[in-house]
């Protein structure tokens, strides 16, 4: 066990405590600003989602909104957030070492905290000035979310700084015992985390923000499309497996989840507690309700050809996702945002595309539910909604962001037109 060592002068310890409290107040103030940015983006995204699936054409890439941005855009918020995150990681590392190594030096810790204050303000500026109409509201919300995570972990680390003039005891470095935090109140879960854990989490959040900033708008949207495509592929596989299963309920006796499982759970035990019996009966009823029905062998409503159509249409949407990523969401097709002037509606088109794709994924999930219920009316209604939503995705980005040779179309524009025709066609 490490020696407690000599306690520093009480005035130095008190000065450190005041500096920590002041730094925590700064973090709280910046957190409020970043939360405002997050909420602003969230509200804007909700509006975009409600209007994402529309028969209106996407804004023209040549549409001119105004001559200049107001306020002007002179700051690279991704570079600012990246640099601030790297500095917070470095300063946090210094603090974590100073609070566990003898001798305890309040002045050294104070110096690092004051340097940290300036960096925290930069992080707040980056989140605030990641304007949705320039960087997209999806990126604005993600930037704010990641900045909040870094700020919150920085606050937890500052709360771990001892106020008694001694280094953090060995037992409190790995967790299990909280330290005195002065006037600040920590949630018990945070207090129980040792100083090693806290700096590790701060590193992870800083690294995540740095990675997000390095990937940029193109990397962020490409990853978003990839994740949504993976959800669609999972839905396609579930529907395919569901359609391949035998609908004859008489074969269920050979399944893994048959009556034998119920017996194993205690139904045929002569000495079952009445309360347990009631619980088992309730569970059995819930299992029966959750059991997915299958298409009848004679298929009187024609669900199977509809299912085959939907599986093919999902494959077509997956192809669209790959095409979007290659032809619209990577450089040089996607210019670096923000542009010097607000021309082209690029951010709005990107936001609309992701919102429409998310709506498409959600609708295909609803469509799967309609199939599982064997509700042909719902299937037909939601199918149309799915195909309209998918068509909207391609329409948002059918035209290139930057016109070349005086043309507002390219090979992808032609492909997107064919896609829209194909996705709407019902055999």
Foldseek 3Di string as FASTA:
>chain_A
DDDQDDFDDLVLLVVLLVLLVVLLVLLVVLLVLLVVLLVVLVVVLVVLLVPLQDPDFADFLFDADDFADVVHDDDPLLVLLLVLLVLLLVLLVVLLVLQADPPNGSVVNSVSSVVNSVSLVSLSVSLNPCDCLWQNSVVSNVSSVLNSQLSVLSNLLSQQRASRRTHDDPVQQAFDAFHDRPPDDDDPVSRRHHNVVSSVSNVVSSVVSNVDSVCASLNVLLVLLVVLLVLLVVLLVVLVVLQPDDQPPVPCCPDPPDVVVLVVQPPPPPDDDPVSVVVSVVVVVVVVVPDFGHQDPVNPPPVVLLSVLVSVLSVLLSVVSVCCSVQCRDPPLDPHTRDRRSGRSVNSLSSSLSSLSVVLSVLSVVLVVCVSVVPVVSNVVSLQVNLSSSLSNLSSCLFTSDDDPPDRHDPSNVVSVVSNVVSNDDD
